[in-house]
Amino acid sequence: MIATLFCEYSVRKLIQLAERVEVCLERLEEEQIWRRGSEAENAVGNLVLHLEGNVRQWAISAAGGARDVRERDAEFAARGGVSKAELRRRLGETVREAAAVIEGLSAERLAERVRVQGYELSVLEVVYQVVDHFAGHAGQIQLLTKLYTQQDLGFYAHLTNAQHGESTP
């Protein structure tokens, strides 16, 4: 029961965060997606590539057993060359695949140990890391989108209304 609750919430949260990143991508111009203030900063495009790589490596490979094909350095080295539509497609596809993996995890599998990026963790810890990591970078993408567009994203507008339909905070 607890395992099911954990996995269901993890999937809902991951999907919600991915949808918010998609909203940000839609609001940004192609140039803004690859804009950097300095070499010490990541562009939104780099963050999206990084999220896609991280979710694939941790959820799909470590938790799901697929072969690890991640090229982490390339996620940060990119300076363009991937369109807004391609970023959205790749991230959406990866999140859907990860959601299917997470939904299928049993309590026994959540307790199993796996090795990813040199860490030995339980599969439960892997799922937790994926959602937490995604939330952190989604927040960065949201902030950059607000800075570039000078607009509120409206993600919490429902809180001014006592009757809101969002099921995941």
N, C-alpha and C. Protein backbone atom coordinates (compact mmCIF):
# COMPACT_ATOMS: atom_id res chain seq x y z
N MET A 1 0.83 -1.20 0.00
CA MET A 1 0.00 0.00 0.00
C MET A 1 0.87 1.26 0.00
N ILE A 2 1.85 1.36 0.91
CA ILE A 2 2.72 2.52 0.97
C ILE A 2 3.52 2.63 -0.32
N ALA A 3 3.99 1.50 -0.84
CA ALA A 3 4.76 1.50 -2.09
C ALA A 3 3.92 2.05 -3.23
N THR A 4 2.67 1.65 -3.28
CA THR A 4 1.77 2.14 -4.34
C THR A 4 1.55 3.63 -4.21
N LEU A 5 1.31 4.10 -2.99
CA LEU A 5 1.11 5.54 -2.77
C LEU A 5 2.35 6.32 -3.19
N PHE A 6 3.52 5.84 -2.79
CA PHE A 6 4.76 6.51 -3.14
C PHE A 6 4.94 6.59 -4.66
N CYS A 7 4.74 5.47 -5.34
CA CYS A 7 4.93 5.45 -6.79
C CYS A 7 3.90 6.30 -7.50
N GLU A 8 2.64 6.22 -7.08
CA GLU A 8 1.60 7.02 -7.72
C GLU A 8 1.87 8.51 -7.57
N TYR A 9 2.24 8.95 -6.36
CA TYR A 9 2.53 10.36 -6.15
C TYR A 9 3.77 10.78 -6.94
N SER A 10 4.79 9.94 -6.96
CA SER A 10 6.01 10.25 -7.71
C SER A 10 5.71 10.46 -9.18
N VAL A 11 4.87 9.62 -9.74
CA VAL A 11 4.49 9.75 -11.16
C VAL A 11 3.70 11.03 -11.37
N ARG A 12 2.72 11.30 -10.52
CA ARG A 12 1.92 12.53 -10.67
C ARG A 12 2.81 13.77 -10.60
N LYS A 13 3.73 13.78 -9.65
CA LYS A 13 4.60 14.94 -9.47
C LYS A 13 5.55 15.11 -10.66
N LEU A 14 6.12 14.01 -11.13
CA LEU A 14 7.02 14.07 -12.27
C LEU A 14 6.29 14.59 -13.51
N ILE A 15 5.09 14.10 -13.75
CA ILE A 15 4.30 14.56 -14.90
C ILE A 15 3.94 16.03 -14.74
N GLN A 16 3.53 16.43 -13.55
CA GLN A 16 3.19 17.83 -13.31
C GLN A 16 4.38 18.74 -13.59
N LEU A 17 5.54 18.37 -13.09
CA LEU A 17 6.74 19.18 -13.31
C LEU A 17 7.10 19.24 -14.79
N ALA A 18 6.99 18.12 -15.48
CA ALA A 18 7.28 18.10 -16.92
C ALA A 18 6.31 18.99 -17.68
N GLU A 19 5.05 18.99 -17.28
CA GLU A 19 4.06 19.86 -17.93
C GLU A 19 4.42 21.32 -17.71
N ARG A 20 4.92 21.65 -16.54
CA ARG A 20 5.31 23.03 -16.26
C ARG A 20 6.52 23.44 -17.08
N VAL A 21 7.46 22.54 -17.26
CA VAL A 21 8.60 22.82 -18.13
C VAL A 21 8.10 23.03 -19.56
N GLU A 22 7.15 22.23 -19.98
CA GLU A 22 6.59 22.39 -21.33
C GLU A 22 5.94 23.76 -21.49
N VAL A 23 5.22 24.22 -20.49
CA VAL A 23 4.63 25.57 -20.53
C VAL A 23 5.72 26.61 -20.70
N CYS A 24 6.80 26.45 -19.96
CA CYS A 24 7.92 27.40 -20.07
C CYS A 24 8.50 27.39 -21.47
N LEU A 25 8.73 26.21 -22.02
CA LEU A 25 9.28 26.13 -23.38
C LEU A 25 8.37 26.81 -24.38
N GLU A 26 7.08 26.65 -24.22
CA GLU A 26 6.13 27.28 -25.15
C GLU A 26 6.19 28.80 -25.07
N ARG A 27 6.45 29.33 -23.91
CA ARG A 27 6.49 30.79 -23.74
C ARG A 27 7.79 31.42 -24.22
N LEU A 28 8.82 30.61 -24.36
CA LEU A 28 10.13 31.14 -24.73
C LEU A 28 10.36 31.09 -26.23
N GLU A 29 11.10 32.08 -26.71
CA GLU A 29 11.57 32.07 -28.09
C GLU A 29 12.77 31.12 -28.18
N GLU A 30 13.05 30.62 -29.36
CA GLU A 30 14.18 29.71 -29.55
C GLU A 30 15.48 30.32 -29.01
N GLU A 31 15.69 31.60 -29.27
CA GLU A 31 16.91 32.26 -28.79
C GLU A 31 16.97 32.27 -27.27
N GLN A 32 15.85 32.48 -26.61
CA GLN A 32 15.81 32.52 -25.15
C GLN A 32 16.12 31.14 -24.55
N ILE A 33 15.75 30.09 -25.24
CA ILE A 33 15.98 28.73 -24.75
C ILE A 33 17.47 28.44 -24.63
N TRP A 34 18.26 29.05 -25.49
CA TRP A 34 19.70 28.79 -25.50
C TRP A 34 20.52 29.96 -24.95
N ARG A 35 19.87 30.95 -24.36
CA ARG A 35 20.56 32.12 -23.82
C ARG A 35 21.27 31.76 -22.51
N ARG A 36 22.48 32.29 -22.38
CA ARG A 36 23.27 32.16 -21.15
C ARG A 36 23.75 33.55 -20.76
N GLY A 37 23.69 33.85 -19.50
CA GLY A 37 24.24 35.11 -19.02
C GLY A 37 25.76 35.07 -18.98
N SER A 38 26.30 33.87 -18.75
CA SER A 38 27.75 33.67 -18.71
C SER A 38 28.02 32.18 -18.91
N GLU A 39 29.28 31.84 -19.04
CA GLU A 39 29.66 30.44 -19.20
C GLU A 39 29.43 29.65 -17.91
N ALA A 40 29.25 30.34 -16.80
CA ALA A 40 28.98 29.66 -15.53
C ALA A 40 27.50 29.30 -15.37
N GLU A 41 26.67 29.72 -16.32
CA GLU A 41 25.24 29.47 -16.25
C GLU A 41 24.83 28.43 -17.28
N ASN A 42 23.71 27.78 -17.02
CA ASN A 42 23.13 26.86 -17.99
C ASN A 42 21.94 27.52 -18.66
N ALA A 43 21.80 27.28 -19.93
CA ALA A 43 20.62 27.73 -20.66
C ALA A 43 19.46 26.80 -20.35
N VAL A 44 18.25 27.27 -20.58
CA VAL A 44 17.07 26.43 -20.41
C VAL A 44 17.22 25.16 -21.24
N GLY A 45 17.72 25.28 -22.45
CA GLY A 45 17.91 24.11 -23.30
C GLY A 45 18.83 23.08 -22.67
N ASN A 46 19.92 23.53 -22.05
CA ASN A 46 20.82 22.61 -21.36
C ASN A 46 20.12 21.92 -20.19
N LEU A 47 19.32 22.68 -19.46
CA LEU A 47 18.61 22.10 -18.32
C LEU A 47 17.61 21.05 -18.77
N VAL A 48 16.94 21.29 -19.89
CA VAL A 48 15.98 20.30 -20.40
C VAL A 48 16.73 19.05 -20.86
N LEU A 49 17.83 19.22 -21.58
CA LEU A 49 18.63 18.05 -21.98
C LEU A 49 19.13 17.30 -20.74
N HIS A 50 19.52 18.02 -19.73
CA HIS A 50 20.01 17.42 -18.49
C HIS A 50 18.90 16.65 -17.78
N LEU A 51 17.71 17.21 -17.72
CA LEU A 51 16.58 16.50 -17.11
C LEU A 51 16.27 15.22 -17.87
N GLU A 52 16.25 15.31 -19.17
CA GLU A 52 15.97 14.12 -20.00
C GLU A 52 17.03 13.05 -19.74
N GLY A 53 18.29 13.44 -19.69
CA GLY A 53 19.36 12.48 -19.44
C GLY A 53 19.30 11.88 -18.05
N ASN A 54 19.03 12.70 -17.06
CA ASN A 54 18.96 12.22 -15.68
C ASN A 54 17.80 11.25 -15.49
N VAL A 55 16.63 11.61 -15.99
CA VAL A 55 15.46 10.74 -15.83
C VAL A 55 15.70 9.41 -16.55
N ARG A 56 16.28 9.47 -17.73
CA ARG A 56 16.57 8.24 -18.48
C ARG A 56 17.56 7.37 -17.71
N GLN A 57 18.65 7.98 -17.20
CA GLN A 57 19.67 7.20 -16.52
C GLN A 57 19.17 6.62 -15.20
N TRP A 58 18.52 7.43 -14.41
CA TRP A 58 18.13 6.99 -13.07
C TRP A 58 16.84 6.17 -13.07
N ALA A 59 15.78 6.66 -13.69
CA ALA A 59 14.50 5.95 -13.62
C ALA A 59 14.42 4.80 -14.62
N ILE A 60 14.73 5.09 -15.87
CA ILE A 60 14.55 4.08 -16.92
C ILE A 60 15.66 3.03 -16.87
N SER A 61 16.89 3.46 -16.64
CA SER A 61 18.01 2.51 -16.60
C SER A 61 18.18 1.88 -15.22
N ALA A 62 18.44 2.70 -14.20
CA ALA A 62 18.73 2.14 -12.87
C ALA A 62 17.51 1.43 -12.27
N ALA A 63 16.36 2.09 -12.29
CA ALA A 63 15.16 1.48 -11.69
C ALA A 63 14.49 0.49 -12.64
N GLY A 64 14.54 0.80 -13.94
CA GLY A 64 13.81 -0.03 -14.91
C GLY A 64 14.63 -1.11 -15.59
N GLY A 65 15.94 -1.03 -15.47
CA GLY A 65 16.79 -2.08 -16.03
C GLY A 65 17.22 -1.89 -17.47
N ALA A 66 16.87 -0.77 -18.09
CA ALA A 66 17.29 -0.51 -19.48
C ALA A 66 18.78 -0.18 -19.51
N ARG A 67 19.38 -0.33 -20.67
CA ARG A 67 20.80 0.01 -20.84
C ARG A 67 20.99 1.51 -20.65
N ASP A 68 22.07 1.88 -19.95
CA ASP A 68 22.39 3.29 -19.71
C ASP A 68 23.14 3.85 -20.92
N VAL A 69 22.53 4.83 -21.58
CA VAL A 69 23.13 5.42 -22.78
C VAL A 69 23.43 6.91 -22.59
N ARG A 70 23.43 7.37 -21.36
CA ARG A 70 23.57 8.80 -21.08
C ARG A 70 24.95 9.32 -21.44
N GLU A 71 24.96 10.54 -22.01
CA GLU A 71 26.18 11.30 -22.28
C GLU A 71 26.04 12.63 -21.55
N ARG A 72 26.28 12.61 -20.24
CA ARG A 72 26.01 13.75 -19.37
C ARG A 72 26.75 15.02 -19.80
N ASP A 73 28.01 14.91 -20.16
CA ASP A 73 28.77 16.10 -20.55
C ASP A 73 28.16 16.81 -21.75
N ALA A 74 27.58 16.06 -22.67
CA ALA A 74 26.96 16.64 -23.86
C ALA A 74 25.74 17.49 -23.50
N GLU A 75 25.06 17.14 -22.41
CA GLU A 75 23.88 17.90 -21.99
C GLU A 75 24.25 19.35 -21.68
N PHE A 76 25.41 19.55 -21.10
CA PHE A 76 25.85 20.89 -20.71
C PHE A 76 26.69 21.57 -21.79
N ALA A 77 27.27 20.80 -22.68
CA ALA A 77 28.12 21.36 -23.74
C ALA A 77 27.30 21.97 -24.87
N ALA A 78 26.06 21.54 -25.05
CA ALA A 78 25.24 22.03 -26.16
C ALA A 78 25.06 23.54 -26.08
N ARG A 79 25.13 24.17 -27.23
CA ARG A 79 24.93 25.62 -27.32
C ARG A 79 23.84 25.93 -28.34
N GLY A 80 22.93 25.02 -28.50
CA GLY A 80 21.85 25.14 -29.47
C GLY A 80 21.77 23.85 -30.26
N GLY A 81 21.14 23.94 -31.41
CA GLY A 81 21.07 22.78 -32.28
C GLY A 81 19.92 21.84 -31.99
N VAL A 82 19.19 22.08 -30.92
CA VAL A 82 18.01 21.28 -30.60
C VAL A 82 16.84 22.26 -30.51
N SER A 83 15.84 22.05 -31.33
CA SER A 83 14.70 22.98 -31.38
C SER A 83 13.81 22.82 -30.15
N LYS A 84 12.99 23.82 -29.95
CA LYS A 84 12.00 23.80 -28.88
C LYS A 84 11.11 22.56 -29.02
N ALA A 85 10.66 22.29 -30.22
CA ALA A 85 9.78 21.13 -30.45
C ALA A 85 10.49 19.82 -30.11
N GLU A 86 11.77 19.72 -30.46
CA GLU A 86 12.53 18.51 -30.18
C GLU A 86 12.78 18.36 -28.69
N LEU A 87 13.07 19.45 -28.00
CA LEU A 87 13.24 19.39 -26.55
C LEU A 87 11.96 18.90 -25.88
N ARG A 88 10.84 19.45 -26.29
CA ARG A 88 9.55 19.05 -25.73
C ARG A 88 9.27 17.57 -26.00
N ARG A 89 9.53 17.14 -27.23
CA ARG A 89 9.26 15.76 -27.60
C ARG A 89 10.12 14.80 -26.79
N ARG A 90 11.39 15.09 -26.72
CA ARG A 90 12.31 14.20 -26.01
C ARG A 90 12.01 14.12 -24.52
N LEU A 91 11.76 15.28 -23.90
CA LEU A 91 11.46 15.27 -22.48
C LEU A 91 10.14 14.55 -22.21
N GLY A 92 9.13 14.84 -23.00
CA GLY A 92 7.84 14.19 -22.82
C GLY A 92 7.91 12.69 -22.98
N GLU A 93 8.62 12.24 -23.98
CA GLU A 93 8.78 10.81 -24.22
C GLU A 93 9.51 10.14 -23.06
N THR A 94 10.55 10.76 -22.59
CA THR A 94 11.33 10.19 -21.48
C THR A 94 10.51 10.15 -20.20
N VAL A 95 9.78 11.21 -19.90
CA VAL A 95 8.96 11.24 -18.68
C VAL A 95 7.86 10.19 -18.77
N ARG A 96 7.24 10.02 -19.92
CA ARG A 96 6.20 8.98 -20.07
C ARG A 96 6.80 7.58 -19.85
N GLU A 97 7.98 7.35 -20.40
CA GLU A 97 8.64 6.06 -20.22
C GLU A 97 9.02 5.84 -18.75
N ALA A 98 9.53 6.86 -18.10
CA ALA A 98 9.88 6.76 -16.69
C ALA A 98 8.64 6.53 -15.83
N ALA A 99 7.55 7.22 -16.15
CA ALA A 99 6.31 7.05 -15.41
C ALA A 99 5.84 5.60 -15.48
N ALA A 100 5.95 4.99 -16.63
CA ALA A 100 5.55 3.59 -16.78
C ALA A 100 6.43 2.69 -15.92
N VAL A 101 7.72 2.97 -15.88
CA VAL A 101 8.63 2.19 -15.03
C VAL A 101 8.23 2.34 -13.57
N ILE A 102 8.06 3.58 -13.12
CA ILE A 102 7.76 3.84 -11.71
C ILE A 102 6.42 3.22 -11.31
N GLU A 103 5.42 3.35 -12.18
CA GLU A 103 4.11 2.75 -11.89
C GLU A 103 4.18 1.25 -11.71
N GLY A 104 5.13 0.61 -12.37
CA GLY A 104 5.25 -0.84 -12.31
C GLY A 104 6.13 -1.37 -11.20
N LEU A 105 6.66 -0.50 -10.34
CA LEU A 105 7.56 -0.95 -9.29
C LEU A 105 6.79 -1.57 -8.12
N SER A 106 7.23 -2.72 -7.69
CA SER A 106 6.65 -3.38 -6.53
C SER A 106 7.38 -2.94 -5.27
N ALA A 107 6.81 -3.24 -4.12
CA ALA A 107 7.46 -2.94 -2.84
C ALA A 107 8.81 -3.65 -2.77
N GLU A 108 8.86 -4.85 -3.27
CA GLU A 108 10.11 -5.61 -3.26
C GLU A 108 11.17 -4.93 -4.12
N ARG A 109 10.77 -4.48 -5.30
CA ARG A 109 11.72 -3.82 -6.20
C ARG A 109 12.19 -2.49 -5.60
N LEU A 110 11.31 -1.75 -4.94
CA LEU A 110 11.70 -0.48 -4.32
C LEU A 110 12.78 -0.68 -3.27
N ALA A 111 12.80 -1.84 -2.65
CA ALA A 111 13.80 -2.13 -1.61
C ALA A 111 15.12 -2.64 -2.17
N GLU A 112 15.13 -3.05 -3.43
CA GLU A 112 16.37 -3.57 -4.03
C GLU A 112 17.40 -2.46 -4.19
N ARG A 113 18.66 -2.86 -4.17
CA ARG A 113 19.78 -1.93 -4.33
C ARG A 113 20.25 -1.93 -5.78
N VAL A 114 20.55 -0.74 -6.28
CA VAL A 114 21.09 -0.58 -7.64
C VAL A 114 22.27 0.38 -7.57
N ARG A 115 23.06 0.36 -8.62
CA ARG A 115 24.20 1.27 -8.70
C ARG A 115 23.96 2.22 -9.86
N VAL A 116 24.08 3.52 -9.58
CA VAL A 116 23.91 4.54 -10.61
C VAL A 116 24.85 5.70 -10.30
N GLN A 117 25.59 6.14 -11.29
CA GLN A 117 26.56 7.23 -11.16
C GLN A 117 27.51 7.02 -9.98
N GLY A 118 27.85 5.79 -9.72
CA GLY A 118 28.77 5.49 -8.64
C GLY A 118 28.13 5.40 -7.26
N TYR A 119 26.82 5.63 -7.17
CA TYR A 119 26.10 5.53 -5.90
C TYR A 119 25.40 4.18 -5.83
N GLU A 120 25.35 3.61 -4.64
CA GLU A 120 24.54 2.42 -4.42
C GLU A 120 23.35 2.84 -3.57
N LEU A 121 22.17 2.68 -4.15
CA LEU A 121 20.94 3.17 -3.53
C LEU A 121 19.83 2.15 -3.68
N SER A 122 18.80 2.30 -2.87
CA SER A 122 17.59 1.52 -3.10
C SER A 122 16.86 2.12 -4.29
N VAL A 123 16.03 1.34 -4.93
CA VAL A 123 15.24 1.85 -6.05
C VAL A 123 14.30 2.95 -5.55
N LEU A 124 13.82 2.84 -4.32
CA LEU A 124 12.99 3.91 -3.75
C LEU A 124 13.78 5.22 -3.72
N GLU A 125 15.04 5.16 -3.28
CA GLU A 125 15.88 6.36 -3.25
C GLU A 125 16.12 6.90 -4.66
N VAL A 126 16.24 6.02 -5.63
CA VAL A 126 16.42 6.44 -7.02
C VAL A 126 15.20 7.23 -7.49
N VAL A 127 14.01 6.73 -7.22
CA VAL A 127 12.79 7.43 -7.62
C VAL A 127 12.71 8.78 -6.93
N TYR A 128 12.99 8.80 -5.65
CA TYR A 128 12.95 10.04 -4.89
C TYR A 128 13.93 11.05 -5.48
N GLN A 129 15.13 10.59 -5.81
CA GLN A 129 16.13 11.47 -6.39
C GLN A 129 15.65 12.04 -7.73
N VAL A 130 15.04 11.21 -8.55
CA VAL A 130 14.58 11.66 -9.86
C VAL A 130 13.58 12.80 -9.72
N VAL A 131 12.61 12.62 -8.85
CA VAL A 131 11.58 13.66 -8.67
C VAL A 131 12.17 14.92 -8.05
N ASP A 132 13.00 14.75 -7.04
CA ASP A 132 13.63 15.89 -6.38
C ASP A 132 14.53 16.66 -7.34
N HIS A 133 15.35 15.95 -8.08
CA HIS A 133 16.26 16.57 -9.05
C HIS A 133 15.46 17.31 -10.12
N PHE A 134 14.40 16.69 -10.61
CA PHE A 134 13.56 17.31 -11.63
C PHE A 134 12.95 18.59 -11.09
N ALA A 135 12.47 18.55 -9.83
CA ALA A 135 11.84 19.73 -9.24
C ALA A 135 12.83 20.90 -9.15
N GLY A 136 14.06 20.61 -8.76
CA GLY A 136 15.05 21.68 -8.65
C GLY A 136 15.32 22.37 -9.97
N HIS A 137 15.54 21.58 -11.00
CA HIS A 137 15.83 22.18 -12.30
C HIS A 137 14.57 22.78 -12.95
N ALA A 138 13.41 22.19 -12.68
CA ALA A 138 12.17 22.80 -13.19
C ALA A 138 12.00 24.20 -12.58
N GLY A 139 12.36 24.35 -11.32
CA GLY A 139 12.30 25.67 -10.68
C GLY A 139 13.24 26.66 -11.34
N GLN A 140 14.43 26.21 -11.71
CA GLN A 140 15.37 27.08 -12.43
C GLN A 140 14.78 27.51 -13.78
N ILE A 141 14.19 26.57 -14.48
CA ILE A 141 13.59 26.86 -15.78
C ILE A 141 12.44 27.85 -15.61
N GLN A 142 11.64 27.68 -14.57
CA GLN A 142 10.54 28.60 -14.33
C GLN A 142 11.05 30.00 -14.03
N LEU A 143 12.08 30.10 -13.21
CA LEU A 143 12.65 31.42 -12.90
C LEU A 143 13.20 32.09 -14.16
N LEU A 144 13.96 31.35 -14.97
CA LEU A 144 14.49 31.92 -16.19
C LEU A 144 13.36 32.36 -17.13
N THR A 145 12.31 31.57 -17.20
CA THR A 145 11.17 31.93 -18.06
C THR A 145 10.53 33.22 -17.58
N LYS A 146 10.35 33.36 -16.28
CA LYS A 146 9.79 34.60 -15.73
C LYS A 146 10.69 35.79 -16.02
N LEU A 147 12.00 35.59 -15.88
CA LEU A 147 12.95 36.68 -16.14
C LEU A 147 12.92 37.09 -17.61
N TYR A 148 12.90 36.11 -18.51
CA TYR A 148 12.96 36.41 -19.95
C TYR A 148 11.64 36.97 -20.48
N THR A 149 10.51 36.51 -19.94
CA THR A 149 9.21 36.92 -20.49
C THR A 149 8.55 38.04 -19.68
N GLN A 150 9.04 38.25 -18.45
CA GLN A 150 8.44 39.25 -17.56
C GLN A 150 6.96 38.94 -17.31
N GLN A 151 6.62 37.65 -17.24
CA GLN A 151 5.24 37.21 -17.02
C GLN A 151 5.16 36.21 -15.89
N ASP A 152 4.06 36.24 -15.17
CA ASP A 152 3.77 35.20 -14.19
C ASP A 152 3.33 33.96 -14.96
N LEU A 153 3.73 32.81 -14.50
CA LEU A 153 3.40 31.58 -15.21
C LEU A 153 2.03 31.03 -14.84
N GLY A 154 1.43 31.53 -13.75
CA GLY A 154 0.08 31.16 -13.38
C GLY A 154 -0.08 29.78 -12.76
N PHE A 155 1.02 29.16 -12.35
CA PHE A 155 0.93 27.80 -11.83
C PHE A 155 0.19 27.73 -10.50
N TYR A 156 0.14 28.82 -9.78
CA TYR A 156 -0.51 28.80 -8.47
C TYR A 156 -1.73 29.71 -8.40
N ALA A 157 -2.24 30.10 -9.54
CA ALA A 157 -3.42 30.97 -9.59
C ALA A 157 -4.61 30.31 -8.91
N HIS A 158 -4.65 28.98 -8.94
CA HIS A 158 -5.77 28.25 -8.34
C HIS A 158 -5.84 28.44 -6.82
N LEU A 159 -4.77 28.87 -6.21
CA LEU A 159 -4.78 29.03 -4.75
C LEU A 159 -5.61 30.22 -4.31
N THR A 160 -5.96 31.11 -5.22
CA THR A 160 -6.84 32.23 -4.88
C THR A 160 -8.29 31.80 -4.94
N ASN A 161 -8.52 30.59 -5.38
CA ASN A 161 -9.87 30.04 -5.50
C ASN A 161 -9.96 28.82 -4.59
N ALA A 162 -10.93 28.83 -3.67
CA ALA A 162 -11.06 27.73 -2.72
C ALA A 162 -11.34 26.40 -3.41
N GLN A 163 -11.93 26.42 -4.58
CA GLN A 163 -12.25 25.20 -5.32
C GLN A 163 -11.30 25.06 -6.49
N HIS A 164 -10.21 24.36 -6.29
CA HIS A 164 -9.27 24.15 -7.39
C HIS A 164 -9.18 22.66 -7.71
N GLY A 165 -8.84 22.37 -8.94
CA GLY A 165 -8.84 21.00 -9.40
C GLY A 165 -7.50 20.31 -9.41
N GLU A 166 -6.44 21.00 -9.03
CA GLU A 166 -5.13 20.39 -9.08
C GLU A 166 -5.00 19.35 -7.97
N SER A 167 -4.57 18.13 -8.31
CA SER A 167 -4.51 17.07 -7.32
C SER A 167 -3.13 16.90 -6.70
N THR A 168 -2.12 17.53 -7.25
CA THR A 168 -0.76 17.39 -6.73
C THR A 168 -0.23 18.77 -6.40
N PRO A 169 0.12 19.01 -5.14
CA PRO A 169 0.63 20.34 -4.77
C PRO A 169 1.99 20.61 -5.39
